Amino acid sequence: MPALVSIIIPCHNAGPWLAETLDSALAQTWPAKEIIVVDDGSTDDSLAIARRHEPRGVHVLAQPNRGASAARNAGLRQARGEYLQFLDADDLLSPDKLAAQLDVLARCSPGHLASCRWGRFVSAPADAAFVDTAVFRDFRPVEYLIAQVAERRMMHPAAWLVPRGVAEAAGGWDETLSLNDDGEYFARVVLASRGIAFSAAGASFYRSQLPGSLSRRSDRRSLESLMRSVELIAGHLRRHEDSPRTTRALADFWQYLEYEMYPGAPDLSLRAAGEARSLGGSTVRPEMGRRQQQFARVLGWRLTRRLARLLRR
């Protein structure tokens, strides 16, 4: 019998996109799959949309609003699959995504994760831009984490296919985190694996530029979550390998965070700068357009950032 794959979909007020997401999960050519939607206290029609898909084999759970990580953990507790696919309620999978990744994993030793191509889109997945192609290859666990933290390389959460044994070794989602909860979770998953096997076939699609998207938030609570996630990821990596190369990578990681935290949270920015210095410092410079770079040479990057924010407002 083919291995069962559990597709876990946390959902909070995703009514405009949920039906399309569920259709992409149902359209998977891999025959053995279960689809679990966890509605996390939606106040729109998300739960009703999910219920309408129950006759097609979608399992629906409902809980009070506790956050995306809590919803994913609820889905994990219900999942019966040998493999796990996390899929946000506004993202999509190509029909061959699971089948292609399972084909790759069948040729690997047990304990490997599968990844695939992923792209950003606004209205239609056919227009997706596959932007972070540097991660479209096989990796050893530490090599991937170094690329993620030192070079800001990203794998879309839905691009992974996780064997249950690896997920159990990594532990559940951290429900204290909001922003970058996925980065922290998959850091643990990657380090609990034997390596990453890339599938050139199949893809996941990340819907961008949504109003209210968690990844675009810059309120204090979200920035504190980002800070905490970086602390945790740094700890995971150093416990796995404490070496000159991980030290350099983490110095760059903290340096990026100094820039990202400013001017929204100057105190957190200073903490991140201190962490980078404690690891030997970094040569990473703030990401700015050409015009901002010109101003920064005269005014400094902090004042330039503040002025840019005022102008945007």
Protein backbone atom coordinates (compact mmCIF):
# COMPACT_ATOMS: atom_id res chain seq x y z
CA MET A 1 0.00 0.00 0.00
CA PRO A 2 1.23 3.55 -0.68
CA ALA A 3 2.32 5.59 2.33
CA LEU A 4 -0.34 7.85 3.82
CA VAL A 5 0.42 11.60 3.72
CA SER A 6 -1.30 13.94 6.17
CA ILE A 7 -1.86 17.45 4.78
CA ILE A 8 -2.33 19.81 7.76
CA ILE A 9 -3.93 23.18 7.03
CA PRO A 10 -4.21 25.77 9.84
CA CYS A 11 -6.83 28.37 9.02
CA HIS A 12 -7.77 31.76 10.47
CA ASN A 13 -9.99 34.09 8.42
CA ALA A 14 -8.80 32.70 5.09
CA GLY A 15 -12.23 32.59 3.46
CA PRO A 16 -11.23 34.24 0.15
CA TRP A 17 -8.52 31.63 -0.52
CA LEU A 18 -9.36 28.46 1.42
CA ALA A 19 -11.41 26.72 -1.27
CA GLU A 20 -8.57 27.06 -3.79
CA THR A 21 -6.09 25.73 -1.22
CA LEU A 22 -8.29 22.74 -0.45
CA ASP A 23 -8.77 22.03 -4.15
CA SER A 24 -4.98 21.97 -4.61
CA ALA A 25 -4.66 19.49 -1.74
CA LEU A 26 -7.48 17.30 -3.07
CA ALA A 27 -5.95 17.39 -6.56
CA GLN A 28 -2.73 15.67 -5.44
CA THR A 29 -2.02 12.70 -7.68
CA TRP A 30 -0.66 10.72 -4.72
CA PRO A 31 -3.62 8.49 -3.83
CA ALA A 32 -3.07 7.95 -0.09
CA LYS A 33 -3.71 11.26 1.63
CA GLU A 34 -5.76 12.76 4.42
CA ILE A 35 -6.52 16.48 4.60
CA ILE A 36 -6.98 18.05 8.02
CA VAL A 37 -8.21 21.64 8.35
CA VAL A 38 -7.88 23.22 11.79
CA ASP A 39 -10.00 26.35 11.98
CA ASP A 40 -8.39 28.61 14.56
CA GLY A 41 -11.33 30.73 15.69
CA SER A 42 -12.15 32.29 12.32
CA THR A 43 -14.77 35.04 12.32
CA ASP A 44 -15.37 34.92 8.54
CA ASP A 45 -16.82 32.05 6.48
CA SER A 46 -13.67 29.88 6.63
CA LEU A 47 -15.22 27.19 8.81
CA ALA A 48 -18.31 26.97 6.58
CA ILE A 49 -16.10 26.63 3.49
CA ALA A 50 -14.09 23.87 5.13
CA ARG A 51 -17.30 22.06 6.17
CA ARG A 52 -18.54 22.14 2.58
CA HIS A 53 -15.46 20.13 1.61
CA GLU A 54 -16.07 17.37 4.18
CA PRO A 55 -17.99 15.16 1.71
CA ARG A 56 -14.85 15.13 -0.44
CA GLY A 57 -12.81 13.67 2.41
CA VAL A 58 -11.61 16.78 4.25
CA HIS A 59 -11.47 16.42 8.06
CA VAL A 60 -12.37 19.63 9.89
CA LEU A 61 -11.44 20.57 13.44
CA ALA A 62 -12.46 23.83 15.11
CA GLN A 63 -10.82 25.49 18.10
CA PRO A 64 -10.80 28.94 19.74
CA ASN A 65 -8.21 31.34 18.35
CA ARG A 66 -4.85 30.21 19.76
CA GLY A 67 -2.49 30.94 16.88
CA ALA A 68 -1.16 29.12 13.85
CA SER A 69 1.34 26.98 15.78
CA ALA A 70 -1.36 25.72 18.12
CA ALA A 71 -3.55 24.90 15.13
CA ARG A 72 -0.73 22.94 13.48
CA ASN A 73 -0.10 21.03 16.70
CA ALA A 74 -3.81 20.17 16.87
CA GLY A 75 -3.58 18.86 13.32
CA LEU A 76 -0.47 16.85 14.22
CA ARG A 77 -2.31 15.15 17.05
CA GLN A 78 -5.01 14.01 14.62
CA ALA A 79 -2.69 13.07 11.76
CA ARG A 80 -2.24 9.38 10.93
CA GLY A 81 0.16 9.73 8.02
CA GLU A 82 3.66 8.37 7.62
CA TYR A 83 4.54 11.74 6.06
CA LEU A 84 3.45 15.27 6.95
CA GLN A 85 2.69 18.19 4.64
CA PHE A 86 2.05 21.58 6.22
CA LEU A 87 0.04 23.93 4.01
CA ASP A 88 -1.14 27.42 4.98
CA ALA A 89 -4.75 28.18 4.09
CA ASP A 90 -3.84 30.68 1.36
CA ASP A 91 -1.02 28.73 -0.32
CA LEU A 92 -1.09 26.08 -3.04
CA LEU A 93 0.60 22.86 -4.20
CA SER A 94 1.13 21.64 -7.73
CA PRO A 95 -0.81 18.39 -8.35
CA ASP A 96 2.37 16.27 -8.55
CA LYS A 97 4.07 17.75 -5.51
CA LEU A 98 3.63 14.87 -3.07
CA ALA A 99 4.15 12.13 -5.65
CA ALA A 100 7.39 13.67 -6.88
CA GLN A 101 8.82 14.10 -3.41
CA LEU A 102 7.87 10.59 -2.31
CA ASP A 103 9.59 9.26 -5.43
CA VAL A 104 12.78 11.09 -4.42
CA LEU A 105 12.57 9.88 -0.81
CA ALA A 106 12.13 6.28 -1.97
CA ARG A 107 15.69 6.49 -3.32
CA CYS A 108 17.13 7.93 -0.06
CA SER A 109 18.06 6.33 3.22
CA PRO A 110 15.40 6.70 5.95
CA GLY A 111 15.33 10.00 7.83
CA HIS A 112 15.68 12.34 4.86
CA LEU A 113 13.37 15.31 4.24
CA ALA A 114 12.15 16.27 0.80
CA SER A 115 12.08 19.82 -0.56
CA CYS A 116 10.97 21.23 -3.91
CA ARG A 117 10.80 24.43 -5.94
CA TRP A 118 8.64 27.21 -4.53
CA GLY A 119 7.46 30.51 -5.94
CA ARG A 120 5.71 33.69 -4.88
CA PHE A 121 2.51 34.80 -6.58
CA VAL A 122 -0.12 37.49 -6.08
CA SER A 123 -3.18 36.42 -8.06
CA ALA A 124 -2.38 33.25 -10.04
CA PRO A 125 0.22 30.51 -9.44
CA ALA A 126 0.98 30.49 -13.17
CA ASP A 127 2.61 33.89 -12.58
CA ALA A 128 4.75 32.69 -9.67
CA ALA A 129 8.35 33.90 -9.47
CA PHE A 130 10.76 31.23 -8.23
CA VAL A 131 12.93 33.65 -6.29
CA ASP A 132 15.25 31.71 -3.97
CA THR A 133 16.73 29.18 -6.36
CA ALA A 134 19.89 28.81 -4.24
CA VAL A 135 17.96 26.37 -2.01
CA PHE A 136 16.81 24.23 -4.94
CA ARG A 137 19.31 21.43 -4.31
CA ASP A 138 20.25 18.68 -1.87
CA PHE A 139 21.70 19.74 1.48
CA ARG A 140 23.27 18.26 4.56
CA PRO A 141 21.42 19.54 7.64
CA VAL A 142 24.05 21.98 8.95
CA GLU A 143 24.84 23.25 5.47
CA TYR A 144 21.22 24.21 4.94
CA LEU A 145 20.98 25.98 8.31
CA ILE A 146 24.17 27.92 7.60
CA ALA A 147 22.74 29.05 4.25
CA GLN A 148 19.49 30.02 5.97
CA VAL A 149 21.03 32.08 8.75
CA ALA A 150 24.09 33.55 7.02
CA GLU A 151 22.65 34.21 3.58
CA ARG A 152 18.96 34.69 4.44
CA ARG A 153 17.99 31.73 2.28
CA MET A 154 14.42 30.58 2.74
CA MET A 155 12.46 27.44 2.04
CA HIS A 156 8.71 27.99 1.86
CA PRO A 157 7.13 25.90 4.67
CA ALA A 158 4.83 24.11 2.21
CA ALA A 159 7.85 23.05 0.12
CA TRP A 160 8.82 20.45 2.74
CA LEU A 161 7.60 16.88 3.06
CA VAL A 162 8.48 15.52 6.50
CA PRO A 163 8.63 11.86 7.56
CA ARG A 164 6.73 11.33 10.78
CA GLY A 165 9.77 9.95 12.59
CA VAL A 166 11.75 13.12 11.85
CA ALA A 167 8.86 15.31 13.03
CA GLU A 168 8.56 13.33 16.25
CA ALA A 169 12.30 13.66 16.91
CA ALA A 170 12.09 17.43 16.33
CA GLY A 171 9.08 18.03 18.60
CA GLY A 172 5.98 20.13 17.99
CA TRP A 173 5.51 23.73 16.95
CA ASP A 174 6.43 26.35 19.57
CA GLU A 175 3.09 27.93 20.52
CA THR A 176 4.78 30.90 22.21
CA LEU A 177 5.97 32.16 18.82
CA SER A 178 4.03 34.03 16.15
CA LEU A 179 6.42 35.67 13.67
CA ASN A 180 9.00 33.17 12.33
CA ASP A 181 7.45 30.20 14.12
CA ASP A 182 7.96 28.26 10.87
CA GLY A 183 11.65 29.17 10.69
CA GLU A 184 12.23 27.91 14.23
CA TYR A 185 10.20 24.72 13.69
CA PHE A 186 11.88 23.72 10.45
CA ALA A 187 15.33 24.47 11.90
CA ARG A 188 14.63 21.70 14.40
CA VAL A 189 13.17 19.42 11.73
CA VAL A 190 16.18 19.88 9.44
CA LEU A 191 18.64 19.17 12.25
CA ALA A 192 16.66 16.07 13.26
CA SER A 193 16.93 14.72 9.71
CA ARG A 194 19.72 12.93 7.86
CA GLY A 195 19.61 15.46 5.05
CA ILE A 196 17.46 17.24 2.49
CA ALA A 197 16.60 15.59 -0.83
CA PHE A 198 15.49 18.09 -3.46
CA SER A 199 12.78 17.17 -5.97
CA ALA A 200 13.07 19.02 -9.29
CA ALA A 201 9.46 18.07 -10.07
CA GLY A 202 6.49 19.51 -8.17
CA ALA A 203 6.25 22.90 -6.51
CA SER A 204 4.60 24.91 -3.75
CA PHE A 205 3.22 28.41 -4.20
CA TYR A 206 3.34 31.20 -1.61
CA ARG A 207 0.62 33.84 -1.88
CA SER A 208 2.24 37.26 -1.31
CA GLN A 209 1.13 40.81 -0.52
CA LEU A 210 -1.92 39.84 1.52
CA PRO A 211 -3.22 42.55 3.89
CA GLY A 212 -2.65 41.59 7.51
CA SER A 213 -0.16 38.85 6.63
CA LEU A 214 1.75 37.75 9.71
CA SER A 215 5.06 37.85 7.85
CA ARG A 216 4.56 41.59 7.18
CA ARG A 217 3.79 42.56 10.78
CA SER A 218 6.11 44.88 12.67
CA ASP A 219 4.23 45.37 15.95
CA ARG A 220 6.10 44.86 19.21
CA ARG A 221 4.73 41.38 19.90
CA SER A 222 5.71 40.15 16.43
CA LEU A 223 9.22 41.60 16.68
CA GLU A 224 9.70 40.00 20.09
CA SER A 225 8.65 36.68 18.55
CA LEU A 226 11.18 37.17 15.76
CA MET A 227 13.90 37.91 18.32
CA ARG A 228 13.03 34.84 20.36
CA SER A 229 12.95 32.64 17.25
CA VAL A 230 16.44 33.78 16.29
CA GLU A 231 17.70 33.02 19.80
CA LEU A 232 16.23 29.53 19.56
CA ILE A 233 17.55 28.83 16.05
CA ALA A 234 21.02 29.99 17.10
CA GLY A 235 20.90 27.64 20.06
CA HIS A 236 19.72 24.70 17.95
CA LEU A 237 22.53 25.21 15.45
CA ARG A 238 25.31 25.66 18.00
CA ARG A 239 24.21 22.58 19.94
CA HIS A 240 24.38 20.60 16.71
CA GLU A 241 27.75 22.04 15.64
CA ASP A 242 29.81 24.64 17.50
CA SER A 243 32.51 25.54 15.00
CA PRO A 244 34.09 28.59 13.34
CA ARG A 245 31.73 28.29 10.37
CA THR A 246 28.57 28.22 12.53
CA THR A 247 29.93 31.12 14.61
CA ARG A 248 30.46 33.22 11.47
CA ALA A 249 27.03 32.32 10.15
CA LEU A 250 25.33 33.26 13.41
CA ALA A 251 27.20 36.57 13.59
CA ASP A 252 25.71 37.43 10.19
CA PHE A 253 22.30 36.19 11.36
CA TRP A 254 22.32 38.57 14.31
CA GLN A 255 23.66 41.42 12.16
CA TYR A 256 20.73 41.04 9.76
CA LEU A 257 18.41 41.13 12.76
CA GLU A 258 19.92 44.40 14.01
CA TYR A 259 18.88 46.05 10.75
CA GLU A 260 15.49 44.33 10.63
CA MET A 261 14.55 45.45 14.14
CA TYR A 262 15.26 49.11 13.47
CA PRO A 263 13.47 51.49 13.85
CA GLY A 264 10.52 49.38 15.05
CA ALA A 265 12.29 48.12 18.17
CA PRO A 266 15.55 50.02 18.84
CA ASP A 267 16.25 48.08 22.05
CA LEU A 268 15.98 44.74 20.27
CA SER A 269 18.16 46.11 17.48
CA LEU A 270 20.87 46.95 20.03
CA ARG A 271 20.60 43.48 21.57
CA ALA A 272 21.05 41.88 18.16
CA ALA A 273 24.07 44.09 17.46
CA GLY A 274 25.60 42.99 20.76
CA GLU A 275 25.09 39.33 19.89
CA ALA A 276 26.81 39.85 16.53
CA ARG A 277 29.79 41.55 18.23
CA SER A 278 30.07 38.78 20.80
CA LEU A 279 30.53 36.30 17.95
CA GLY A 280 33.32 38.30 16.33
CA GLY A 281 31.29 40.82 14.34
CA SER A 282 29.93 40.77 10.81
CA THR A 283 30.53 42.58 7.54
CA VAL A 284 26.86 42.39 6.52
CA ARG A 285 25.48 45.79 5.49
CA PRO A 286 21.83 46.92 5.68
CA GLU A 287 19.73 46.22 2.61
CA MET A 288 18.81 49.53 0.95
CA GLY A 289 17.99 50.87 -2.48
CA ARG A 290 20.51 53.01 -4.32
CA ARG A 291 18.94 56.29 -3.21
CA GLN A 292 18.87 55.23 0.44
CA GLN A 293 22.48 54.09 0.23
CA GLN A 294 23.47 57.56 -0.90
CA PHE A 295 21.68 59.15 2.04
CA ALA A 296 23.10 56.57 4.45
CA ARG A 297 26.67 57.50 3.52
CA VAL A 298 25.95 61.00 4.82
CA LEU A 299 23.31 60.50 7.52
CA GLY A 300 24.02 56.96 8.68
CA TRP A 301 21.74 53.98 8.13
CA ARG A 302 19.63 54.50 11.27
CA LEU A 303 18.58 58.08 10.47
CA THR A 304 18.03 57.07 6.83
CA ARG A 305 15.73 54.26 7.96
CA ARG A 306 13.73 56.62 10.18
CA LEU A 307 13.33 59.17 7.41
CA ALA A 308 12.25 56.43 4.96
CA ARG A 309 9.58 55.28 7.39
CA LEU A 310 8.27 58.84 7.84
CA LEU A 311 8.07 59.30 4.08
CA ARG A 312 6.16 56.02 3.64
CA ARG A 313 3.62 57.19 6.18
